[in-house]
C-alpha cells in the first residue's frame, strides 16, 4: 500500500484551493493501492468539509499537526511514500520518498507584510536567529522532548507555556530521570470537571518502579474548571495524556473555533531562572523572523511542481526559474448544470471568498457598479438583483470587509451570502443569468501578478450552469473564455456595465454564447482532472515498494 499525505494548512476554509486538495484526496483514496491522509494544522470536521465541497472523503484519514517546524516536518513527511504539499505560500521542505509541490501561484512570501513586518525583518531577523540558537545551546542539558502528536501549539509547550491538546497528546522523553508535566482544565474550557489520564511507559534502562520494564504507570486525574496539577514522571520515555474534550463553538454561538480541545499541558521540567527568562522572551518573538525563507532552496526537496494554469506556470518560470506540470483544477460541472425545469432569473452572480488582502475579489467595487447601473438605467435594470456569495474566515479584517459591503448595499437589491451550503450555492448558479468576476481589477499585472485570478474555478462553474460570464481580461481567466464565443471580457468597470446592459437589452445574441459555455467548460471537468492526476501519481510512485 502506497502511503500518501496531502498537506493543506487552510483546510478549514473550504475554498477553491481546498477543493483541489480534497478532490485529490477523494480520487487517490478511492484508487486501488493508495492510503491517504489529509494533514492540516487546525481541526476541522471532515464531514462538514465534504458537504461544503460536495466530495466523498469517507476513505480519507485526518491528521492534525498544528505547528510544523523543520524537525517536526522530517518526522511527519518522512513516514510517507508520497508527500503532496497543497498549501498556498508554503515554504515547508519535504522528506517523503517522493514529494510534490502544488503551486497555485508563486506569490512572493512577504506579500502580506505590513511596514512593521518589514521593519522587524530588516533589523531584528539576525538577533532573533541568534537568540534561538543560544536557546538551543542552553537547552542542550534539558530533557529532550519530542512532540509526536496531539498538541496544537508545540512551540508554546517547548517554551514552557501552556498548549491545548486535542484530547490525546503523545510525548517522547529522553535525557533526564524525571519529567514534570502540568495539566490544566483552563477557565476557557466548557467542562466543569475534566477527566485526565496519564500513561507513562518506562525507558528500557531507566527507573522501574514495579520491577517490570514493560509495565505502564497510569495516573487518573479529575480537574475542576481552572484547576491545574503537576505530575512528576520518573524514568519514562513515552507519555500519553488523554482527556475529556469539548468544542468551543458548541458553547458560544459567536465562536468559529471548531477544534476539538482537551486539557492544556505545560512543560514544567526544572530549569534555572536565567534559562527560564530566555525561554520566556523567545515566546514573544514572532516566528516569521526565523522562518522567513532567504531563498527557494526548500523547492529542491520536491521532485515535481504542479501548477494550476498556464498563467501560474509562466510566473513559476519567471520568478522561481522552475518548470511546472499543468493540472487544471477539478470543476464539478455536473452538479452546477442547469436542470430542464430551471428558469433563469434577472440575477447577476459573483462568487469568491471575502477578504481585503492581495487576492481580493473586488466585491465592493462590483456592488458600487451595480448600484450605479440601477441609478443610471432604472428601466433596463428593473427587477434585477445582485448576489455576492462566498466564504469568509473568522478574522476581524475579513468580517469588517463583509460589513463594508453590506453597509454599501443597504436599501438596494443586493444580497451578500457568506458560508452558504453547497446546494444553495449550486441553486444560485442555476438561476443566475449573468456571472461577474473582477479579481485583479485596477492592478498592474507586471508588478503584482499574484493579485489576479490564478485560474478561475467559479467562472467554469458559472459556464456549466448556463450563466453568461463577463469577466476581467486578466490572469487565468484568459485560458477559460473565448471572447464573444462562450463569454465576454471587460477591462474596466465602465466596459463591464456596457457589456452587461447589452446582454440585458438583447443587443448580444446570448443563445449561442450560453450553449458554447456549457460545452467548452467540460475541458475542466472532474473526469479530466482525475485522468490527469492518476497519470502523474502513477509516474511518481513507479518503483516504490508497496
Protein backbone atom coordinates (compact mmCIF):
# COMPACT_ATOMS: atom_id res chain seq x y z
CA UNK A 1 0.00 0.00 0.00
CA UNK A 2 1.41 3.39 -1.02
CA UNK A 3 1.10 5.88 1.86
CA UNK A 4 0.20 9.40 0.68
CA UNK A 5 -0.08 12.61 2.70
CA UNK A 6 -1.78 15.72 1.32
CA UNK A 7 -0.91 18.80 3.37
CA UNK A 8 -3.42 21.68 3.32
CA UNK A 9 -2.95 24.16 6.13
CA UNK A 10 -6.13 26.05 5.21
CA UNK A 11 -8.41 23.02 5.00
CA UNK A 12 -10.97 24.59 7.37
CA UNK A 13 -11.67 27.49 4.94
CA UNK A 14 -13.12 25.10 2.31
CA UNK A 15 -12.20 27.41 -0.57
CA UNK A 16 -11.23 26.72 -4.17
CA UNK A 17 -7.74 25.56 -3.23
CA UNK A 18 -9.21 23.19 -0.67
CA UNK A 19 -11.50 21.68 -3.27
CA UNK A 20 -8.39 20.96 -5.35
CA UNK A 21 -6.54 19.26 -2.48
CA UNK A 22 -9.61 17.40 -1.22
CA UNK A 23 -10.53 16.21 -4.73
CA UNK A 24 -7.00 14.80 -4.91
CA UNK A 25 -7.66 13.01 -1.62
CA UNK A 26 -11.03 11.68 -2.78
CA UNK A 27 -9.63 10.29 -6.05
CA UNK A 28 -6.48 8.76 -4.59
CA UNK A 29 -8.24 7.25 -1.56
CA UNK A 30 -10.68 5.52 -3.91
CA UNK A 31 -7.95 4.24 -6.22
CA UNK A 32 -6.50 0.82 -5.60
CA UNK A 33 -3.24 0.63 -3.65
CA UNK A 34 -3.25 4.09 -2.02
CA UNK A 35 -3.82 5.04 1.64
CA UNK A 36 -4.42 8.80 2.01
CA UNK A 37 -4.05 11.17 4.97
CA UNK A 38 -5.19 14.79 4.84
CA UNK A 39 -2.80 16.79 7.01
CA UNK A 40 -3.69 20.20 8.43
CA UNK A 41 -2.88 22.33 11.46
CA UNK A 42 -6.36 23.33 12.64
CA UNK A 43 -9.02 20.81 13.50
CA UNK A 44 -11.98 20.72 11.14
CA UNK A 45 -14.76 18.22 10.66
CA UNK A 46 -14.20 16.19 7.51
CA UNK A 47 -17.92 15.50 7.13
CA UNK A 48 -18.57 19.24 7.11
CA UNK A 49 -15.80 19.83 4.55
CA UNK A 50 -17.20 17.01 2.39
CA UNK A 51 -20.64 18.61 2.38
CA UNK A 52 -19.35 22.10 1.62
CA UNK A 53 -17.22 20.87 -1.27
CA UNK A 54 -19.60 18.12 -2.45
CA UNK A 55 -16.93 15.43 -2.08
CA UNK A 56 -16.65 11.97 -0.55
CA UNK A 57 -13.79 11.91 1.99
CA UNK A 58 -15.02 8.83 3.85
CA UNK A 59 -11.89 6.86 2.94
CA UNK A 60 -9.52 9.64 3.98
CA UNK A 61 -7.88 9.94 7.42
CA UNK A 62 -7.41 13.38 9.01
CA UNK A 63 -4.12 14.18 10.77
CA UNK A 64 -3.68 17.32 12.87
CA UNK A 65 -0.14 18.69 13.10
CA UNK A 66 -0.66 22.25 14.35
CA UNK A 67 2.90 23.58 14.26
CA UNK A 68 5.30 22.22 11.69
CA UNK A 69 8.91 23.11 12.32
CA UNK A 70 11.68 21.62 10.18
CA UNK A 71 12.30 18.92 12.80
CA UNK A 72 8.60 18.18 13.02
CA UNK A 73 8.42 18.09 9.23
CA UNK A 74 11.12 15.44 8.91
CA UNK A 75 9.17 13.07 11.11
CA UNK A 76 5.81 13.99 9.61
CA UNK A 77 6.70 13.75 5.91
CA UNK A 78 9.37 11.08 6.23
CA UNK A 79 6.90 8.30 7.00
CA UNK A 80 5.11 8.70 3.66
CA UNK A 81 5.87 7.24 0.25
CA UNK A 82 4.45 10.38 -1.36
CA UNK A 83 4.03 13.78 0.29
CA UNK A 84 1.94 16.40 -1.55
CA UNK A 85 2.11 19.98 -0.28
CA UNK A 86 -1.00 21.84 -1.46
CA UNK A 87 -0.72 24.80 0.95
CA UNK A 88 -0.65 28.27 -0.59
CA UNK A 89 2.51 30.26 0.26
CA UNK A 90 4.10 27.26 1.97
CA UNK A 91 7.88 27.06 2.41
CA UNK A 92 7.76 23.64 4.03
CA UNK A 93 10.57 21.29 2.97
CA UNK A 94 9.56 17.70 2.25
CA UNK A 95 11.24 14.43 3.25
CA UNK A 96 8.93 11.76 1.84
CA UNK A 97 10.29 9.13 -0.52
CA UNK A 98 8.77 11.22 -3.33
CA UNK A 99 7.38 14.75 -2.99
CA UNK A 100 5.08 17.04 -4.99
CA UNK A 101 4.58 20.79 -4.51
CA UNK A 102 1.26 22.15 -5.77
CA UNK A 103 1.69 25.80 -6.72
CA UNK A 104 -1.47 27.86 -7.15
CA UNK A 105 0.79 30.83 -7.84
CA UNK A 106 4.44 31.67 -6.94
CA UNK A 107 3.38 34.62 -4.81
CA UNK A 108 6.22 36.45 -3.01
CA UNK A 109 6.34 35.19 0.57
CA UNK A 110 6.25 38.71 2.00
CA UNK A 111 3.12 39.67 0.06
CA UNK A 112 1.03 40.30 3.19
CA UNK A 113 3.79 42.01 5.15
CA UNK A 114 2.98 45.44 6.53
CA UNK A 115 5.54 48.11 7.42
CA UNK A 116 6.05 46.67 10.90
CA UNK A 117 6.83 43.20 9.48
CA UNK A 118 9.41 44.57 7.05
CA UNK A 119 10.93 46.74 9.78
CA UNK A 120 11.27 43.79 12.15
CA UNK A 121 12.64 41.56 9.40
CA UNK A 122 15.27 44.14 8.47
CA UNK A 123 16.52 44.97 11.96
CA UNK A 124 15.62 42.00 14.18
CA UNK A 125 15.93 38.90 11.99
CA UNK A 126 19.60 38.24 12.87
CA UNK A 127 19.14 38.89 16.65
CA UNK A 128 16.12 36.58 16.66
CA UNK A 129 18.04 33.80 14.88
CA UNK A 130 20.98 34.31 17.29
CA UNK A 131 18.66 34.12 20.30
CA UNK A 132 17.04 30.93 19.03
CA UNK A 133 20.47 29.37 18.52
CA UNK A 134 21.55 30.48 22.01
CA UNK A 135 18.43 28.93 23.47
CA UNK A 136 19.18 25.74 21.59
CA UNK A 137 22.64 25.54 23.17
CA UNK A 138 21.27 26.47 26.59
CA UNK A 139 18.60 23.84 26.47
CA UNK A 140 21.04 21.15 25.45
CA UNK A 141 21.08 19.87 29.00
CA UNK A 142 17.29 19.82 29.27
CA UNK A 143 15.23 16.71 28.93
CA UNK A 144 14.84 16.17 25.22
CA UNK A 145 11.16 16.26 24.43
CA UNK A 146 9.64 15.29 21.09
CA UNK A 147 6.01 16.11 20.41
CA UNK A 148 4.71 13.13 18.48
CA UNK A 149 1.12 14.27 18.06
CA UNK A 150 -1.87 15.99 19.57
CA UNK A 151 -0.58 19.40 20.74
CA UNK A 152 -1.96 22.45 18.98
CA UNK A 153 0.97 24.75 19.71
CA UNK A 154 4.13 22.71 20.33
CA UNK A 155 6.26 25.87 20.15
CA UNK A 156 4.47 27.28 23.21
CA UNK A 157 4.83 23.97 25.01
CA UNK A 158 8.55 23.69 24.32
CA UNK A 159 8.99 27.28 25.57
CA UNK A 160 7.39 26.43 28.92
CA UNK A 161 3.97 27.90 28.15
CA UNK A 162 0.56 26.25 28.09
CA UNK A 163 -0.68 24.49 24.93
CA UNK A 164 -4.04 22.92 24.16
CA UNK A 165 -4.16 19.22 23.38
CA UNK A 166 -6.67 17.63 21.05
CA UNK A 167 -7.73 15.16 23.73
CA UNK A 168 -4.75 12.87 23.18
CA UNK A 169 -1.13 14.03 23.28
CA UNK A 170 1.92 11.81 22.84
CA UNK A 171 5.39 12.89 24.02
CA UNK A 172 8.73 11.14 23.70
CA UNK A 173 11.10 11.93 26.59
CA UNK A 174 14.83 11.29 26.70
CA UNK A 175 17.80 12.62 28.66
CA UNK A 176 16.53 13.00 32.23
CA UNK A 177 15.47 10.66 35.02
CA UNK A 178 12.42 12.80 35.81
CA UNK A 179 9.89 14.70 33.70
CA UNK A 180 7.25 17.05 35.10
CA UNK A 181 4.12 17.98 33.17
CA UNK A 182 1.47 20.44 34.29
CA UNK A 183 -2.09 19.57 33.27
CA UNK A 184 -4.89 22.13 33.41
CA UNK A 185 -8.60 22.43 32.74
CA UNK A 186 -8.46 26.15 31.76
CA UNK A 187 -11.16 28.67 32.55
CA UNK A 188 -11.97 28.82 28.82
CA UNK A 189 -12.97 25.15 28.96
CA UNK A 190 -16.66 24.25 28.66
CA UNK A 191 -16.17 21.35 31.08
CA UNK A 192 -16.82 21.91 34.79
CA UNK A 193 -14.88 18.73 35.52
CA UNK A 194 -12.34 17.28 33.10
CA UNK A 195 -11.12 13.70 33.48
CA UNK A 196 -7.49 13.16 32.51
CA UNK A 197 -5.39 10.02 32.25
CA UNK A 198 -1.60 10.00 32.04
CA UNK A 199 0.05 6.80 30.82
CA UNK A 200 3.82 6.57 31.14
CA UNK A 201 5.97 3.85 29.58
CA UNK A 202 9.36 3.13 31.25
CA UNK A 203 12.66 3.58 29.46
CA UNK A 204 14.44 0.30 28.80
CA UNK A 205 17.30 1.21 31.13
CA UNK A 206 15.54 3.70 33.33
CA UNK A 207 13.72 3.75 36.64
CA UNK A 208 11.38 0.79 37.04
CA UNK A 209 9.06 1.19 39.98
CA UNK A 210 7.24 -2.13 39.59
CA UNK A 211 10.14 -4.33 38.51
CA UNK A 212 8.68 -4.90 35.04
CA UNK A 213 10.22 -2.94 32.19
CA UNK A 214 7.08 -3.40 30.12
CA UNK A 215 4.69 -2.04 32.73
CA UNK A 216 2.63 1.11 32.21
CA UNK A 217 2.19 3.66 35.01
CA UNK A 218 -1.25 5.28 34.90
CA UNK A 219 -2.33 8.46 36.69
CA UNK A 220 -6.05 9.28 36.89
CA UNK A 221 -6.89 12.94 37.49
CA UNK A 222 -10.12 14.95 37.78
CA UNK A 223 -9.69 18.69 37.26
CA UNK A 224 -12.21 21.37 38.12
CA UNK A 225 -12.50 24.22 35.62
CA UNK A 226 -9.41 26.43 36.03
CA UNK A 227 -7.57 23.84 38.13
CA UNK A 228 -4.02 22.73 37.36
CA UNK A 229 -1.99 19.81 38.70
CA UNK A 230 1.60 18.76 38.13
CA UNK A 231 2.53 15.13 37.53
CA UNK A 232 6.14 14.03 38.01
CA UNK A 233 7.05 11.00 35.94
CA UNK A 234 10.32 9.24 36.80
CA UNK A 235 12.41 7.47 34.19
CA UNK A 236 9.90 7.43 31.37
CA UNK A 237 10.40 7.58 27.62
CA UNK A 238 6.84 7.77 26.30
CA UNK A 239 3.99 9.75 27.84
CA UNK A 240 0.39 9.65 26.60
CA UNK A 241 -2.07 12.21 28.01
CA UNK A 242 -5.75 11.66 27.22
CA UNK A 243 -8.61 13.79 28.48
CA UNK A 244 -12.24 14.69 28.04
CA UNK A 245 -12.80 17.10 25.17
CA UNK A 246 -15.05 19.97 24.13
CA UNK A 247 -15.60 22.19 21.07
CA UNK A 248 -15.50 25.96 21.79
CA UNK A 249 -18.09 26.81 19.13
CA UNK A 250 -20.60 24.48 20.79
CA UNK A 251 -20.77 26.72 23.84
CA UNK A 252 -20.67 30.19 22.29
CA UNK A 253 -22.64 30.85 19.14
CA UNK A 254 -20.28 33.69 18.15
CA UNK A 255 -17.21 31.44 18.22
CA UNK A 256 -15.97 29.96 14.97
CA UNK A 257 -13.49 27.65 16.71
CA UNK A 258 -14.48 24.16 15.61
CA UNK A 259 -11.44 22.42 17.10
CA UNK A 260 -11.78 19.53 19.49
CA UNK A 261 -9.86 20.60 22.61
CA UNK A 262 -8.77 18.64 25.63
CA UNK A 263 -6.56 19.56 28.57
CA UNK A 264 -3.89 22.25 28.34
CA UNK A 265 -0.42 20.98 29.23
CA UNK A 266 2.76 22.69 30.43
CA UNK A 267 6.36 21.57 30.33
CA UNK A 268 7.41 22.04 33.97
CA UNK A 269 10.79 20.37 33.91
CA UNK A 270 13.13 22.28 36.20
CA UNK A 271 15.49 24.96 34.91
CA UNK A 272 17.40 27.88 36.35
CA UNK A 273 15.91 31.43 36.35
CA UNK A 274 18.21 32.74 33.58
CA UNK A 275 17.26 29.96 31.17
CA UNK A 276 13.62 30.40 32.13
CA UNK A 277 13.85 34.13 31.31
CA UNK A 278 15.39 33.46 27.89
CA UNK A 279 12.67 30.95 27.08
CA UNK A 280 10.05 33.47 28.21
CA UNK A 281 11.48 36.08 25.82
CA UNK A 282 11.54 33.57 22.97
CA UNK A 283 7.82 33.02 23.43
CA UNK A 284 7.20 36.61 22.34
CA UNK A 285 9.42 36.61 19.25
CA UNK A 286 7.33 36.39 16.03
CA UNK A 287 8.11 33.08 14.36
CA UNK A 288 8.30 34.64 10.87
CA UNK A 289 11.61 36.30 11.84
CA UNK A 290 13.35 32.93 11.88
CA UNK A 291 11.07 31.05 9.47
CA UNK A 292 11.07 33.55 6.59
CA UNK A 293 12.88 31.89 3.65
CA UNK A 294 16.04 33.61 2.39
CA UNK A 295 15.71 31.79 -0.93
CA UNK A 296 13.78 28.99 -2.61
CA UNK A 297 16.03 26.12 -1.55
CA UNK A 298 13.06 24.34 0.04
CA UNK A 299 11.86 23.61 -3.51
CA UNK A 300 14.90 21.38 -4.00
CA UNK A 301 13.27 18.84 -1.68
CA UNK A 302 10.40 18.34 -4.15
CA UNK A 303 10.54 16.01 -7.15
CA UNK A 304 7.78 17.77 -9.09
CA UNK A 305 5.91 21.08 -9.14
CA UNK A 306 2.28 21.03 -10.28
CA UNK A 307 0.77 24.32 -11.44
CA UNK A 308 -2.94 25.01 -11.87
CA UNK A 309 -2.84 27.06 -15.10
CA UNK A 310 -0.66 28.36 -17.91
CA UNK A 311 -0.70 31.72 -16.13
CA UNK A 312 0.77 30.23 -12.94
CA UNK A 313 3.23 28.16 -14.94
CA UNK A 314 4.50 31.26 -16.72
CA UNK A 315 5.25 33.01 -13.44
CA UNK A 316 6.79 29.88 -11.87
CA UNK A 317 9.33 30.04 -14.67
CA UNK A 318 9.85 33.80 -14.33
CA UNK A 319 10.01 34.06 -10.53
CA UNK A 320 11.37 30.65 -9.49
CA UNK A 321 13.19 29.56 -12.62
CA UNK A 322 11.49 26.17 -12.32
CA UNK A 323 9.41 24.04 -14.64
CA UNK A 324 5.90 23.06 -13.65
CA UNK A 325 3.43 20.45 -14.86
CA UNK A 326 -0.03 21.91 -15.54
CA UNK A 327 -3.03 20.16 -13.98
CA UNK A 328 -6.10 22.37 -14.30
CA UNK A 329 -8.34 22.41 -11.19
CA UNK A 330 -11.27 20.00 -10.98
CA UNK A 331 -14.65 21.64 -11.52
CA UNK A 332 -17.84 19.88 -10.52
CA UNK A 333 -19.57 20.77 -13.78
CA UNK A 334 -22.21 18.06 -13.33
CA UNK A 335 -23.50 19.49 -10.04
CA UNK A 336 -23.92 23.02 -11.43
CA UNK A 337 -25.57 22.03 -14.71
CA UNK A 338 -28.99 23.62 -15.20
CA UNK A 339 -31.95 21.27 -14.98
CA UNK A 340 -34.69 21.05 -17.57
CA UNK A 341 -37.14 22.91 -15.33
CA UNK A 342 -34.68 25.65 -14.30
CA UNK A 343 -35.76 29.16 -15.24
CA UNK A 344 -33.12 31.85 -15.46
CA UNK A 345 -33.96 34.89 -13.37
CA UNK A 346 -33.00 38.54 -13.56
CA UNK A 347 -29.98 37.87 -11.41
CA UNK A 348 -26.29 38.67 -11.60
CA UNK A 349 -23.96 36.48 -9.54
CA UNK A 350 -20.39 36.85 -8.33
CA UNK A 351 -18.77 34.10 -6.26
CA UNK A 352 -15.48 34.33 -4.39
CA UNK A 353 -14.04 34.34 -0.90
CA UNK A 354 -14.44 37.61 1.02
CA UNK A 355 -11.15 39.14 2.16
CA UNK A 356 -9.45 42.52 1.69
CA UNK A 357 -5.91 41.28 1.05
CA UNK A 358 -3.83 40.83 -2.09
CA UNK A 359 -6.13 38.36 -3.87
CA UNK A 360 -9.26 40.42 -3.21
CA UNK A 361 -12.21 39.51 -5.45
CA UNK A 362 -13.39 43.16 -5.71
CA UNK A 363 -16.91 42.51 -4.39
CA UNK A 364 -17.08 46.06 -3.04
CA UNK A 365 -16.36 47.53 -6.48
CA UNK A 366 -18.91 45.23 -8.12
CA UNK A 367 -21.58 46.33 -5.66
CA UNK A 368 -20.82 50.01 -6.42
CA UNK A 369 -21.03 49.30 -10.16
CA UNK A 370 -24.39 47.55 -9.79
CA UNK A 371 -25.78 50.45 -7.75
CA UNK A 372 -24.62 52.93 -10.41
CA UNK A 373 -26.31 50.86 -13.11
CA UNK A 374 -29.56 50.89 -11.10
CA UNK A 375 -29.44 54.67 -10.85
CA UNK A 376 -28.35 55.38 -14.44
CA UNK A 377 -30.55 52.76 -16.17
CA UNK A 378 -33.57 52.16 -13.92
CA UNK A 379 -35.79 50.74 -16.71
CA UNK A 380 -33.17 48.31 -18.02
CA UNK A 381 -32.24 47.18 -14.52
CA UNK A 382 -35.80 46.81 -13.27
CA UNK A 383 -36.22 43.69 -11.08
CA UNK A 384 -32.51 42.77 -11.41
CA UNK A 385 -30.71 41.55 -8.32
CA UNK A 386 -27.01 41.10 -7.48
CA UNK A 387 -25.88 38.11 -5.42
CA UNK A 388 -22.42 38.22 -3.83
CA UNK A 389 -21.62 34.77 -2.43
CA UNK A 390 -18.51 33.28 -0.86
CA UNK A 391 -16.78 32.04 2.22
CA UNK A 392 -15.47 34.30 4.96
CA UNK A 393 -12.95 33.39 7.64
CA UNK A 394 -13.46 34.22 11.31
CA UNK A 395 -10.92 37.06 11.19
CA UNK A 396 -11.73 40.67 12.16
CA UNK A 397 -10.46 42.24 8.93
CA UNK A 398 -12.42 39.76 6.78
CA UNK A 399 -15.63 40.25 8.74
CA UNK A 400 -15.12 44.03 8.60
CA UNK A 401 -14.80 43.83 4.79
CA UNK A 402 -18.13 42.00 4.54
CA UNK A 403 -19.64 44.65 6.82
CA UNK A 404 -18.48 47.42 4.48
CA UNK A 405 -20.17 45.72 1.52
CA UNK A 406 -23.39 45.15 3.47
CA UNK A 407 -23.42 48.81 4.54
CA UNK A 408 -22.96 49.93 0.92
CA UNK A 409 -25.69 47.55 -0.30
CA UNK A 410 -28.31 48.55 2.26
CA UNK A 411 -31.53 49.56 0.55
CA UNK A 412 -30.56 48.05 -2.82
CA UNK A 413 -31.41 44.63 -4.34
CA UNK A 414 -28.02 43.23 -3.36
CA UNK A 415 -27.69 40.12 -1.23
CA UNK A 416 -24.43 39.23 0.50
CA UNK A 417 -24.36 35.50 1.22
CA UNK A 418 -21.49 34.10 3.28
CA UNK A 419 -20.56 30.49 4.02
CA UNK A 420 -23.67 29.07 2.37
CA UNK A 421 -24.12 25.30 1.84
CA UNK A 422 -23.06 23.75 -1.46
CA UNK A 423 -26.64 23.02 -2.53
CA UNK A 424 -27.70 26.62 -2.04
CA UNK A 425 -24.67 27.86 -3.99
CA UNK A 426 -25.45 25.49 -6.87
CA UNK A 427 -29.01 26.85 -6.87
CA UNK A 428 -27.69 30.41 -7.23
CA UNK A 429 -25.60 29.42 -10.24
CA UNK A 430 -28.59 27.75 -11.89
CA UNK A 431 -30.92 30.72 -11.55
CA UNK A 432 -28.42 33.48 -12.34
CA UNK A 433 -28.36 34.82 -15.91
CA UNK A 434 -25.04 36.67 -15.77
CA UNK A 435 -21.80 35.98 -13.90
CA UNK A 436 -19.29 38.68 -12.90
CA UNK A 437 -15.64 38.20 -11.90
CA UNK A 438 -13.23 41.10 -11.29
CA UNK A 439 -10.21 39.83 -9.32
CA UNK A 440 -7.23 41.98 -10.34
CA UNK A 441 -9.33 45.00 -11.34
CA UNK A 442 -7.15 48.13 -11.34
CA UNK A 443 -3.97 46.19 -10.58
CA UNK A 444 -0.70 46.07 -12.54
CA UNK A 445 -0.12 42.52 -13.83
CA UNK A 446 3.62 43.05 -14.21
CA UNK A 447 4.11 44.48 -10.71
CA UNK A 448 1.60 42.31 -8.83
CA UNK A 449 0.69 39.23 -10.88
CA UNK A 450 -0.45 37.44 -7.68
CA UNK A 451 -3.45 39.81 -7.38
CA UNK A 452 -5.13 38.30 -10.43
CA UNK A 453 -7.18 35.13 -10.67
CA UNK A 454 -4.71 32.29 -10.98
CA UNK A 455 -7.28 30.19 -12.79
CA UNK A 456 -11.00 30.87 -12.23
CA UNK A 457 -12.95 27.88 -10.89
CA UNK A 458 -16.12 29.88 -10.25
CA UNK A 459 -16.12 31.10 -13.85
CA UNK A 460 -16.14 27.49 -15.08
CA UNK A 461 -18.91 26.63 -12.59
CA UNK A 462 -20.95 29.56 -13.92
CA UNK A 463 -20.46 28.38 -17.52
CA UNK A 464 -21.61 24.86 -16.64
CA UNK A 465 -24.78 26.37 -15.15
CA UNK A 466 -25.53 28.31 -18.34
CA UNK A 467 -24.62 31.75 -16.98
CA UNK A 468 -23.17 34.31 -19.37
CA UNK A 469 -19.68 35.02 -17.94
CA UNK A 470 -18.50 38.63 -18.05
CA UNK A 471 -15.01 38.52 -16.55
CA UNK A 472 -11.87 40.61 -16.47
CA UNK A 473 -9.41 40.02 -19.29
CA UNK A 474 -6.53 39.16 -16.98
CA UNK A 475 -4.80 36.21 -15.34
CA UNK A 476 -6.09 32.69 -15.70
CA UNK A 477 -9.49 33.86 -16.99
CA UNK A 478 -7.95 34.18 -20.46
CA UNK A 479 -7.46 30.38 -20.52
CA UNK A 480 -11.17 29.76 -19.88
CA UNK A 481 -13.09 32.27 -22.01
CA UNK A 482 -13.05 32.97 -25.74
CA UNK A 483 -14.35 36.50 -26.03
CA UNK A 484 -17.66 36.65 -27.88
CA UNK A 485 -17.78 32.86 -28.25
CA UNK A 486 -18.53 31.47 -24.76
CA UNK A 487 -18.37 34.65 -22.69
CA UNK A 488 -17.16 38.23 -22.63
CA UNK A 489 -14.09 40.09 -21.36
CA UNK A 490 -14.01 43.56 -19.83
CA UNK A 491 -11.05 45.78 -18.99
CA UNK A 492 -12.70 48.25 -16.59
CA UNK A 493 -15.98 48.82 -14.73
CA UNK A 494 -17.37 51.06 -17.47
CA UNK A 495 -16.97 48.26 -20.01
CA UNK A 496 -18.42 45.75 -17.54
CA UNK A 497 -21.55 47.91 -17.28
CA UNK A 498 -21.87 48.34 -21.05
CA UNK A 499 -21.50 44.61 -21.85
CA UNK A 500 -23.97 43.68 -19.11
CA UNK A 501 -26.55 46.20 -20.34
CA UNK A 502 -26.12 44.93 -23.92
CA UNK A 503 -26.86 41.38 -22.67
CA UNK A 504 -29.91 42.59 -20.75
CA UNK A 505 -31.23 44.62 -23.72
CA UNK A 506 -30.74 41.76 -26.16
CA UNK A 507 -28.09 43.57 -28.18
CA UNK A 508 -25.91 40.49 -27.86
CA UNK A 509 -27.17 37.13 -29.11
CA UNK A 510 -26.64 35.10 -25.95
CA UNK A 511 -28.31 31.84 -27.01
CA UNK A 512 -25.18 30.50 -28.78
CA UNK A 513 -22.94 32.03 -26.09
CA UNK A 514 -24.76 30.13 -23.37
CA UNK A 515 -24.67 26.87 -25.34
CA UNK A 516 -20.96 27.23 -26.11
CA UNK A 517 -20.17 27.99 -22.46
CA UNK A 518 -21.85 24.78 -21.29
CA UNK A 519 -19.89 22.73 -23.83
CA UNK A 520 -16.44 24.33 -23.53
CA UNK A 521 -16.31 24.17 -19.73
CA UNK A 522 -16.12 20.36 -19.90
CA UNK A 523 -12.39 20.79 -20.55
CA UNK A 524 -12.11 21.31 -16.79
CA UNK A 525 -14.44 18.57 -15.53
CA UNK A 526 -13.77 16.22 -12.63
CA UNK A 527 -13.22 13.38 -15.10
CA UNK A 528 -10.45 15.24 -16.94
CA UNK A 529 -8.80 16.10 -13.63
CA UNK A 530 -8.95 12.50 -12.36
CA UNK A 531 -7.34 11.16 -15.51
CA UNK A 532 -4.51 13.72 -15.34
CA UNK A 533 -3.92 13.26 -11.60
CA UNK A 534 -3.72 9.46 -11.71
CA UNK A 535 -1.27 9.67 -14.61
CA UNK A 536 1.03 11.98 -12.63
CA UNK A 537 0.81 9.93 -9.42
CA UNK A 538 1.39 6.63 -11.21
CA UNK A 539 4.56 8.06 -12.73
CA UNK A 540 5.72 9.42 -9.36
CA UNK A 541 5.30 6.20 -7.37
CA UNK A 542 6.58 3.86 -10.06
CA UNK A 543 9.26 1.70 -8.50
CA UNK A 544 8.21 2.36 -4.89
CA UNK A 545 7.60 -0.85 -2.99
CA UNK A 546 4.04 -1.15 -1.71
